[in-house]
């Protein structure tokens, strides 16, 4: 996958599949915006790994279930890295509730 010179936005990039997608896109040459909901520390670690590859990384908080937050996130990415060429829509929207 060649992504040199592209800007990618990966939602739910704080862990798991989203984090792996963000790192893979950086390895392929993209600059990456990493979206997270509630774990900035984990997202910053992924961003540091991407920066260590010589790529630009931007961490953006936002709840993808809220349209206004998605709009603000896309504006922030556009200002910080450029208009996204690639979207990995990984974040899931699900209700959090106690197991029992």
N, C-alpha and C. Protein backbone atom coordinates (compact mmCIF):
# COMPACT_ATOMS: atom_id res chain seq x y z
N UNK A 1 0.86 -1.18 0.00
CA UNK A 1 0.00 0.00 0.00
C UNK A 1 0.90 1.23 0.00
N UNK A 2 0.81 2.05 -1.00
CA UNK A 2 1.59 3.28 -1.08
C UNK A 2 0.71 4.45 -0.66
N UNK A 3 1.17 5.17 0.34
CA UNK A 3 0.39 6.31 0.85
C UNK A 3 1.26 7.55 0.97
N UNK A 4 2.40 7.54 0.32
CA UNK A 4 3.33 8.66 0.41
C UNK A 4 2.65 9.97 0.05
N UNK A 5 2.82 10.96 0.92
CA UNK A 5 2.27 12.28 0.67
C UNK A 5 0.79 12.42 0.98
N UNK A 6 0.18 11.38 1.50
CA UNK A 6 -1.24 11.41 1.83
C UNK A 6 -1.44 11.74 3.30
N UNK A 7 -2.64 12.21 3.61
CA UNK A 7 -3.04 12.46 5.00
C UNK A 7 -4.16 11.49 5.32
N UNK A 8 -4.00 10.75 6.41
CA UNK A 8 -5.00 9.78 6.83
C UNK A 8 -5.60 10.20 8.16
N UNK A 9 -6.88 9.94 8.31
CA UNK A 9 -7.59 10.12 9.58
C UNK A 9 -8.10 8.75 9.99
N UNK A 10 -7.68 8.31 11.17
CA UNK A 10 -8.09 7.01 11.69
C UNK A 10 -8.89 7.25 12.96
N UNK A 11 -10.15 6.85 12.94
CA UNK A 11 -10.97 6.97 14.14
C UNK A 11 -10.75 5.75 15.03
N UNK A 12 -10.89 5.95 16.33
CA UNK A 12 -10.67 4.85 17.26
C UNK A 12 -9.24 4.34 17.21
N UNK A 13 -8.28 5.26 17.11
CA UNK A 13 -6.87 4.88 16.91
C UNK A 13 -6.11 4.67 18.22
N UNK A 14 -6.79 4.67 19.33
CA UNK A 14 -6.09 4.55 20.61
C UNK A 14 -5.62 3.13 20.90
N UNK A 15 -6.22 2.13 20.26
CA UNK A 15 -5.85 0.75 20.54
C UNK A 15 -6.29 -0.17 19.41
N UNK A 16 -5.88 -1.40 19.50
CA UNK A 16 -6.37 -2.46 18.62
C UNK A 16 -6.21 -2.19 17.13
N UNK A 17 -7.28 -2.47 16.40
CA UNK A 17 -7.28 -2.36 14.95
C UNK A 17 -6.99 -0.93 14.49
N UNK A 18 -7.58 0.06 15.16
CA UNK A 18 -7.36 1.45 14.78
C UNK A 18 -5.91 1.86 14.92
N UNK A 19 -5.30 1.47 16.03
CA UNK A 19 -3.88 1.78 16.25
C UNK A 19 -3.02 1.10 15.18
N UNK A 20 -3.30 -0.17 14.92
CA UNK A 20 -2.54 -0.91 13.91
C UNK A 20 -2.70 -0.28 12.52
N UNK A 21 -3.90 0.18 12.19
CA UNK A 21 -4.13 0.83 10.90
C UNK A 21 -3.34 2.13 10.80
N UNK A 22 -3.34 2.91 11.88
CA UNK A 22 -2.62 4.18 11.89
C UNK A 22 -1.12 3.96 11.68
N UNK A 23 -0.56 2.99 12.38
CA UNK A 23 0.87 2.69 12.26
C UNK A 23 1.18 2.16 10.86
N UNK A 24 0.32 1.30 10.32
CA UNK A 24 0.55 0.76 8.97
C UNK A 24 0.50 1.87 7.91
N UNK A 25 -0.42 2.79 8.06
CA UNK A 25 -0.49 3.91 7.11
C UNK A 25 0.76 4.77 7.18
N UNK A 26 1.27 4.98 8.39
CA UNK A 26 2.51 5.74 8.53
C UNK A 26 3.68 5.00 7.88
N UNK A 27 3.74 3.71 8.07
CA UNK A 27 4.80 2.92 7.43
C UNK A 27 4.71 3.01 5.90
N UNK A 28 3.49 3.17 5.41
CA UNK A 28 3.29 3.29 3.96
C UNK A 28 3.52 4.71 3.45
N UNK A 29 3.84 5.64 4.37
CA UNK A 29 4.21 6.98 3.96
C UNK A 29 3.22 8.08 4.28
N UNK A 30 2.10 7.76 4.90
CA UNK A 30 1.09 8.78 5.20
C UNK A 30 1.40 9.52 6.50
N UNK A 31 0.96 10.75 6.57
CA UNK A 31 0.88 11.47 7.83
C UNK A 31 -0.48 11.11 8.41
N UNK A 32 -0.57 10.94 9.73
CA UNK A 32 -1.76 10.34 10.31
C UNK A 32 -2.34 11.17 11.44
N UNK A 33 -3.65 11.39 11.37
CA UNK A 33 -4.41 11.96 12.48
C UNK A 33 -5.05 10.80 13.22
N UNK A 34 -4.80 10.75 14.52
CA UNK A 34 -5.31 9.66 15.34
C UNK A 34 -6.42 10.18 16.23
N UNK A 35 -7.61 9.68 16.01
CA UNK A 35 -8.76 10.08 16.83
C UNK A 35 -8.90 9.12 18.01
N UNK A 36 -9.31 9.68 19.14
CA UNK A 36 -9.59 8.86 20.31
C UNK A 36 -10.80 9.45 21.03
N UNK A 37 -11.40 8.64 21.87
CA UNK A 37 -12.52 9.10 22.67
C UNK A 37 -12.08 9.45 24.08
N UNK A 38 -11.39 8.51 24.76
CA UNK A 38 -11.15 8.73 26.19
C UNK A 38 -9.79 8.28 26.71
N UNK A 39 -8.85 7.93 25.85
CA UNK A 39 -7.54 7.51 26.33
C UNK A 39 -6.44 8.23 25.57
N UNK A 40 -6.23 9.48 25.94
CA UNK A 40 -5.21 10.30 25.26
C UNK A 40 -3.82 9.70 25.40
N UNK A 41 -3.50 9.15 26.57
CA UNK A 41 -2.16 8.61 26.81
C UNK A 41 -1.83 7.51 25.80
N UNK A 42 -2.73 6.58 25.60
CA UNK A 42 -2.50 5.49 24.64
C UNK A 42 -2.36 6.04 23.22
N UNK A 43 -3.16 7.04 22.90
CA UNK A 43 -3.12 7.62 21.56
C UNK A 43 -1.81 8.37 21.34
N UNK A 44 -1.33 9.07 22.36
CA UNK A 44 -0.05 9.77 22.26
C UNK A 44 1.10 8.80 22.06
N UNK A 45 1.02 7.62 22.66
CA UNK A 45 2.07 6.60 22.46
C UNK A 45 2.10 6.15 21.00
N UNK A 46 0.92 5.94 20.42
CA UNK A 46 0.86 5.55 19.00
C UNK A 46 1.39 6.68 18.13
N UNK A 47 1.05 7.92 18.46
CA UNK A 47 1.53 9.07 17.70
C UNK A 47 3.05 9.19 17.79
N UNK A 48 3.60 8.91 18.96
CA UNK A 48 5.06 8.96 19.12
C UNK A 48 5.74 7.91 18.24
N UNK A 49 5.14 6.73 18.13
CA UNK A 49 5.68 5.69 17.27
C UNK A 49 5.67 6.14 15.81
N UNK A 50 4.61 6.81 15.41
CA UNK A 50 4.50 7.31 14.04
C UNK A 50 5.53 8.42 13.79
N UNK A 51 5.67 9.32 14.73
CA UNK A 51 6.66 10.39 14.58
C UNK A 51 8.08 9.84 14.50
N UNK A 52 8.34 8.75 15.22
CA UNK A 52 9.67 8.13 15.18
C UNK A 52 9.99 7.58 13.80
N UNK A 53 8.97 7.35 12.98
CA UNK A 53 9.17 6.91 11.59
C UNK A 53 9.43 8.08 10.66
N UNK A 54 9.38 9.30 11.20
CA UNK A 54 9.58 10.48 10.38
C UNK A 54 8.30 11.01 9.75
N UNK A 55 7.17 10.51 10.19
CA UNK A 55 5.88 10.97 9.68
C UNK A 55 5.27 11.94 10.68
N UNK A 56 4.37 12.78 10.20
CA UNK A 56 3.65 13.68 11.09
C UNK A 56 2.45 12.95 11.68
N UNK A 57 2.16 13.25 12.94
CA UNK A 57 1.01 12.65 13.61
C UNK A 57 0.30 13.73 14.41
N UNK A 58 -1.02 13.68 14.39
CA UNK A 58 -1.85 14.63 15.11
C UNK A 58 -2.86 13.84 15.92
N UNK A 59 -2.96 14.13 17.20
CA UNK A 59 -3.91 13.47 18.08
C UNK A 59 -5.13 14.37 18.23
N UNK A 60 -6.32 13.82 17.93
CA UNK A 60 -7.55 14.60 18.01
C UNK A 60 -8.62 13.83 18.78
N UNK A 61 -9.14 14.46 19.80
CA UNK A 61 -10.20 13.86 20.61
C UNK A 61 -11.53 14.16 19.95
N UNK A 62 -12.44 13.21 19.99
CA UNK A 62 -13.76 13.44 19.46
C UNK A 62 -14.62 12.20 19.55
N UNK A 63 -15.88 12.42 19.81
CA UNK A 63 -16.87 11.35 19.88
C UNK A 63 -17.54 11.26 18.51
N UNK A 64 -17.31 10.18 17.79
CA UNK A 64 -17.83 10.08 16.42
C UNK A 64 -19.35 9.93 16.36
N UNK A 65 -19.99 9.76 17.51
CA UNK A 65 -21.45 9.68 17.51
C UNK A 65 -22.09 11.07 17.59
N UNK A 66 -21.27 12.10 17.66
CA UNK A 66 -21.76 13.48 17.75
C UNK A 66 -21.26 14.26 16.51
N UNK A 67 -22.20 14.66 15.67
CA UNK A 67 -21.86 15.31 14.40
C UNK A 67 -20.99 16.55 14.59
N UNK A 68 -21.29 17.36 15.58
CA UNK A 68 -20.50 18.58 15.80
C UNK A 68 -19.05 18.24 16.14
N UNK A 69 -18.84 17.17 16.89
CA UNK A 69 -17.47 16.79 17.23
C UNK A 69 -16.73 16.23 16.02
N UNK A 70 -17.44 15.52 15.15
CA UNK A 70 -16.83 15.02 13.92
C UNK A 70 -16.42 16.21 13.03
N UNK A 71 -17.31 17.18 12.90
CA UNK A 71 -16.99 18.38 12.11
C UNK A 71 -15.75 19.07 12.66
N UNK A 72 -15.70 19.25 13.97
CA UNK A 72 -14.55 19.92 14.60
C UNK A 72 -13.27 19.11 14.41
N UNK A 73 -13.39 17.79 14.47
CA UNK A 73 -12.23 16.93 14.28
C UNK A 73 -11.68 17.07 12.87
N UNK A 74 -12.53 17.08 11.88
CA UNK A 74 -12.08 17.19 10.49
C UNK A 74 -11.44 18.56 10.25
N UNK A 75 -12.00 19.60 10.83
CA UNK A 75 -11.39 20.93 10.72
C UNK A 75 -10.00 20.93 11.35
N UNK A 76 -9.87 20.34 12.54
CA UNK A 76 -8.58 20.29 13.23
C UNK A 76 -7.54 19.53 12.41
N UNK A 77 -7.95 18.43 11.79
CA UNK A 77 -7.03 17.66 10.95
C UNK A 77 -6.62 18.48 9.74
N UNK A 78 -7.58 19.15 9.12
CA UNK A 78 -7.27 19.99 7.97
C UNK A 78 -6.27 21.08 8.30
N UNK A 79 -6.43 21.68 9.46
CA UNK A 79 -5.51 22.75 9.89
C UNK A 79 -4.15 22.19 10.31
N UNK A 80 -4.16 21.02 10.92
CA UNK A 80 -2.91 20.46 11.46
C UNK A 80 -2.07 19.68 10.46
N UNK A 81 -2.72 18.95 9.56
CA UNK A 81 -1.98 18.10 8.62
C UNK A 81 -2.36 18.34 7.16
N UNK A 82 -3.53 18.88 6.94
CA UNK A 82 -4.07 19.02 5.59
C UNK A 82 -5.34 18.21 5.49
N UNK A 83 -6.07 18.45 4.42
CA UNK A 83 -7.35 17.75 4.21
C UNK A 83 -7.07 16.25 4.08
N UNK A 84 -7.81 15.43 4.83
CA UNK A 84 -7.58 13.98 4.76
C UNK A 84 -7.88 13.41 3.38
N UNK A 85 -6.97 12.55 2.92
CA UNK A 85 -7.16 11.81 1.67
C UNK A 85 -7.73 10.42 1.97
N UNK A 86 -7.43 9.94 3.18
CA UNK A 86 -7.78 8.57 3.57
C UNK A 86 -8.55 8.64 4.88
N UNK A 87 -9.64 7.88 4.95
CA UNK A 87 -10.40 7.75 6.19
C UNK A 87 -10.49 6.28 6.55
N UNK A 88 -10.06 5.95 7.77
CA UNK A 88 -10.29 4.63 8.32
C UNK A 88 -11.32 4.82 9.42
N UNK A 89 -12.54 4.45 9.11
CA UNK A 89 -13.67 4.66 10.02
C UNK A 89 -13.78 3.44 10.93
N UNK A 90 -12.89 3.39 11.91
CA UNK A 90 -12.74 2.22 12.76
C UNK A 90 -13.53 2.30 14.06
N UNK A 91 -13.73 3.49 14.59
CA UNK A 91 -14.37 3.61 15.90
C UNK A 91 -15.79 3.08 15.86
N UNK A 92 -16.15 2.41 16.91
CA UNK A 92 -17.51 1.90 17.02
C UNK A 92 -18.32 2.74 17.98
N UNK A 93 -19.60 2.77 17.74
CA UNK A 93 -20.52 3.47 18.64
C UNK A 93 -21.36 2.41 19.31
N UNK A 94 -21.22 2.35 20.60
CA UNK A 94 -21.99 1.35 21.33
C UNK A 94 -22.26 1.90 22.72
N UNK A 95 -23.38 1.50 23.29
CA UNK A 95 -23.67 1.97 24.65
C UNK A 95 -22.78 1.24 25.65
N UNK A 96 -22.27 1.97 26.59
CA UNK A 96 -21.49 1.35 27.67
C UNK A 96 -22.44 1.12 28.83
N UNK A 97 -22.45 -0.10 29.33
CA UNK A 97 -23.31 -0.42 30.45
C UNK A 97 -22.64 -1.49 31.30
N UNK A 98 -22.99 -1.56 32.57
CA UNK A 98 -22.39 -2.58 33.44
C UNK A 98 -22.73 -3.98 32.95
N UNK A 99 -21.80 -4.88 33.08
CA UNK A 99 -21.99 -6.26 32.64
C UNK A 99 -23.12 -6.94 33.39
N UNK A 100 -23.15 -6.73 34.69
CA UNK A 100 -24.21 -7.37 35.48
C UNK A 100 -25.35 -6.43 35.58
